[in-house]
Amino acid sequence: MAALRRARGVTVQLCPDHHWIEIELVNDDGEPVPGEAYELVLPNGQRQAGALDDNGWARADFQGESGDCEIRFPNVYSKELKEAAGSPLPPREGA
C-alpha cells in the first residue's frame, strides 16, 4: 500500500513501485541526437517506444519491479553500438 504524506493541506501519495529511466544520445562530437527513435524493454518485459526530444533526451516512467532496462536505437548501426558498449561513457560536463 502506498504511503501518504500531508504538507500544508496537500496530500501526496508516494508510489514505491514507481520507477523511471532517462536516456541521452549524443554523437561522437558530444552533440545531442534529436528525434532518434528508441525502444525500451523494461524489467517486467514491457516494451515502450518513442523518439528523443530536441536535446537528445527521453524519460520513461513505469510501475512494477526495478531492475535493468534494455535500450535499442533501431535506426543506428548496431555494430557501432556493440563497439561503444565495450567502453565506459565519459563523465558529463558540469557533473
C-alpha atoms as a PDB file:
ATOM      1  CA  MET A   1       0.000   0.000   0.000  1.00  0.00           C
ATOM      2  CA  ALA A   2       1.385   3.413  -0.936  1.00  0.00           C
ATOM      3  CA  ALA A   3       2.289   5.798   1.871  1.00  0.00           C
ATOM      4  CA  LEU A   4       0.570   9.164   2.196  1.00  0.00           C
ATOM      5  CA  ARG A   5       2.186  12.396   3.332  1.00  0.00           C
ATOM      6  CA  ARG A   6       0.486  15.671   4.152  1.00  0.00           C
ATOM      7  CA  ALA A   7       2.174  19.024   3.722  1.00  0.00           C
ATOM      8  CA  ARG A   8       0.354  22.341   4.099  1.00  0.00           C
ATOM      9  CA  GLY A   9      -3.025  20.924   3.153  1.00  0.00           C
ATOM     10  CA  VAL A  10      -1.757  18.957   0.151  1.00  0.00           C
ATOM     11  CA  THR A  11      -1.851  15.164   0.152  1.00  0.00           C
ATOM     12  CA  VAL A  12       0.938  13.479  -1.781  1.00  0.00           C
ATOM     13  CA  GLN A  13       0.734   9.769  -2.483  1.00  0.00           C
ATOM     14  CA  LEU A  14       4.144   8.085  -2.626  1.00  0.00           C
ATOM     15  CA  CYS A  15       4.405   5.216  -5.067  1.00  0.00           C
ATOM     16  CA  PRO A  16       7.204   2.854  -4.015  1.00  0.00           C
ATOM     17  CA  ASP A  17       6.787   0.795  -7.190  1.00  0.00           C
ATOM     18  CA  HIS A  18       7.172   3.846  -9.465  1.00  0.00           C
ATOM     19  CA  HIS A  19      10.441   3.888 -11.421  1.00  0.00           C
ATOM     20  CA  TRP A  20      11.900   5.842 -14.310  1.00  0.00           C
ATOM     21  CA  ILE A  21      14.784   5.846 -16.738  1.00  0.00           C
ATOM     22  CA  GLU A  22      16.289   8.807 -18.592  1.00  0.00           C
ATOM     23  CA  ILE A  23      18.038   8.390 -21.931  1.00  0.00           C
ATOM     24  CA  GLU A  24      20.538  10.705 -23.601  1.00  0.00           C
ATOM     25  CA  LEU A  25      22.083  10.057 -27.010  1.00  0.00           C
ATOM     26  CA  VAL A  26      24.998  12.129 -28.303  1.00  0.00           C
ATOM     27  CA  ASN A  27      27.175  11.778 -31.379  1.00  0.00           C
ATOM     28  CA  ASP A  28      30.976  11.431 -31.436  1.00  0.00           C
ATOM     29  CA  ASP A  29      31.325  15.199 -31.008  1.00  0.00           C
ATOM     30  CA  GLY A  30      29.151  15.178 -27.880  1.00  0.00           C
ATOM     31  CA  GLU A  31      26.249  16.870 -29.667  1.00  0.00           C
ATOM     32  CA  PRO A  32      22.687  15.659 -28.963  1.00  0.00           C
ATOM     33  CA  VAL A  33      20.933  13.446 -31.495  1.00  0.00           C
ATOM     34  CA  PRO A  34      17.384  14.846 -31.626  1.00  0.00           C
ATOM     35  CA  GLY A  35      14.415  12.846 -32.839  1.00  0.00           C
ATOM     36  CA  GLU A  36      16.197   9.468 -32.831  1.00  0.00           C
ATOM     37  CA  ALA A  37      13.816   6.533 -32.394  1.00  0.00           C
ATOM     38  CA  TYR A  38      14.352   4.304 -29.362  1.00  0.00           C
ATOM     39  CA  GLU A  39      12.900   1.087 -27.994  1.00  0.00           C
ATOM     40  CA  LEU A  40      12.978   0.130 -24.315  1.00  0.00           C
ATOM     41  CA  VAL A  41      12.464  -3.260 -22.726  1.00  0.00           C
ATOM     42  CA  LEU A  42      11.583  -2.695 -19.073  1.00  0.00           C
ATOM     43  CA  PRO A  43      12.493  -5.087 -16.215  1.00  0.00           C
ATOM     44  CA  ASN A  44       8.987  -6.615 -16.344  1.00  0.00           C
ATOM     45  CA  GLY A  45       9.331  -7.313 -20.096  1.00  0.00           C
ATOM     46  CA  GLN A  46       7.012  -4.479 -21.148  1.00  0.00           C
ATOM     47  CA  ARG A  47       8.147  -2.608 -24.255  1.00  0.00           C
ATOM     48  CA  GLN A  48       7.998   1.138 -24.837  1.00  0.00           C
ATOM     49  CA  ALA A  49       8.981   3.024 -27.958  1.00  0.00           C
ATOM     50  CA  GLY A  50       9.360   6.693 -28.732  1.00  0.00           C
ATOM     51  CA  ALA A  51      11.658   9.382 -30.083  1.00  0.00           C
ATOM     52  CA  LEU A  52      14.216  11.561 -28.320  1.00  0.00           C
ATOM     53  CA  ASP A  53      13.391  15.240 -27.836  1.00  0.00           C
ATOM     54  CA  ASP A  54      15.241  18.205 -29.376  1.00  0.00           C
ATOM     55  CA  ASN A  55      18.037  17.777 -26.816  1.00  0.00           C
ATOM     56  CA  GLY A  56      18.527  14.050 -27.494  1.00  0.00           C
ATOM     57  CA  TRP A  57      16.740  13.121 -24.236  1.00  0.00           C
ATOM     58  CA  ALA A  58      13.800  10.946 -23.248  1.00  0.00           C
ATOM     59  CA  ARG A  59      12.292   9.779 -19.957  1.00  0.00           C
ATOM     60  CA  ALA A  60      10.160   6.707 -19.413  1.00  0.00           C
ATOM     61  CA  ASP A  61       8.142   6.191 -16.237  1.00  0.00           C
ATOM     62  CA  PHE A  62       6.917   2.742 -15.289  1.00  0.00           C
ATOM     63  CA  GLN A  63       5.351   0.763 -12.465  1.00  0.00           C
ATOM     64  CA  GLY A  64       6.455  -2.579 -11.066  1.00  0.00           C
ATOM     65  CA  GLU A  65       9.780  -4.136 -10.289  1.00  0.00           C
ATOM     66  CA  SER A  66      13.053  -2.277 -10.599  1.00  0.00           C
ATOM     67  CA  GLY A  67      15.998  -3.712 -12.492  1.00  0.00           C
ATOM     68  CA  ASP A  68      17.895  -3.423 -15.720  1.00  0.00           C
ATOM     69  CA  CYS A  69      16.333  -1.929 -18.831  1.00  0.00           C
ATOM     70  CA  GLU A  70      17.404  -2.725 -22.356  1.00  0.00           C
ATOM     71  CA  ILE A  71      17.536   0.096 -24.888  1.00  0.00           C
ATOM     72  CA  ARG A  72      17.784  -0.070 -28.652  1.00  0.00           C
ATOM     73  CA  PHE A  73      18.156   2.622 -31.260  1.00  0.00           C
ATOM     74  CA  PRO A  74      16.790   0.769 -34.311  1.00  0.00           C
ATOM     75  CA  ASN A  75      17.987   3.347 -36.846  1.00  0.00           C
ATOM     76  CA  VAL A  76      21.578   3.389 -35.569  1.00  0.00           C
ATOM     77  CA  TYR A  77      24.027   0.905 -36.987  1.00  0.00           C
ATOM     78  CA  SER A  78      24.107  -1.957 -34.450  1.00  0.00           C
ATOM     79  CA  LYS A  79      27.826  -2.742 -34.901  1.00  0.00           C
ATOM     80  CA  GLU A  80      28.739   0.772 -33.744  1.00  0.00           C
ATOM     81  CA  LEU A  81      26.576   0.342 -30.636  1.00  0.00           C
ATOM     82  CA  LYS A  82      28.160  -3.019 -29.810  1.00  0.00           C
ATOM     83  CA  GLU A  83      31.644  -1.491 -30.086  1.00  0.00           C
ATOM     84  CA  ALA A  84      30.621   1.516 -27.971  1.00  0.00           C
ATOM     85  CA  ALA A  85      29.103  -0.740 -25.302  1.00  0.00           C
ATOM     86  CA  GLY A  86      32.576  -2.069 -24.521  1.00  0.00           C
ATOM     87  CA  SER A  87      33.867   1.341 -23.412  1.00  0.00           C
ATOM     88  CA  PRO A  88      32.532   3.383 -20.495  1.00  0.00           C
ATOM     89  CA  LEU A  89      30.805   6.701 -21.128  1.00  0.00           C
ATOM     90  CA  PRO A  90      32.848   9.792 -20.279  1.00  0.00           C
ATOM     91  CA  PRO A  91      31.515  11.883 -17.383  1.00  0.00           C
ATOM     92  CA  ARG A  92      29.060  14.638 -18.337  1.00  0.00           C
ATOM     93  CA  GLU A  93      30.484  18.142 -18.262  1.00  0.00           C
ATOM     94  CA  GLY A  94      29.494  20.043 -15.140  1.00  0.00           C
ATOM     95  CA  ALA A  95      28.613  16.845 -13.267  1.00  0.00           C
END
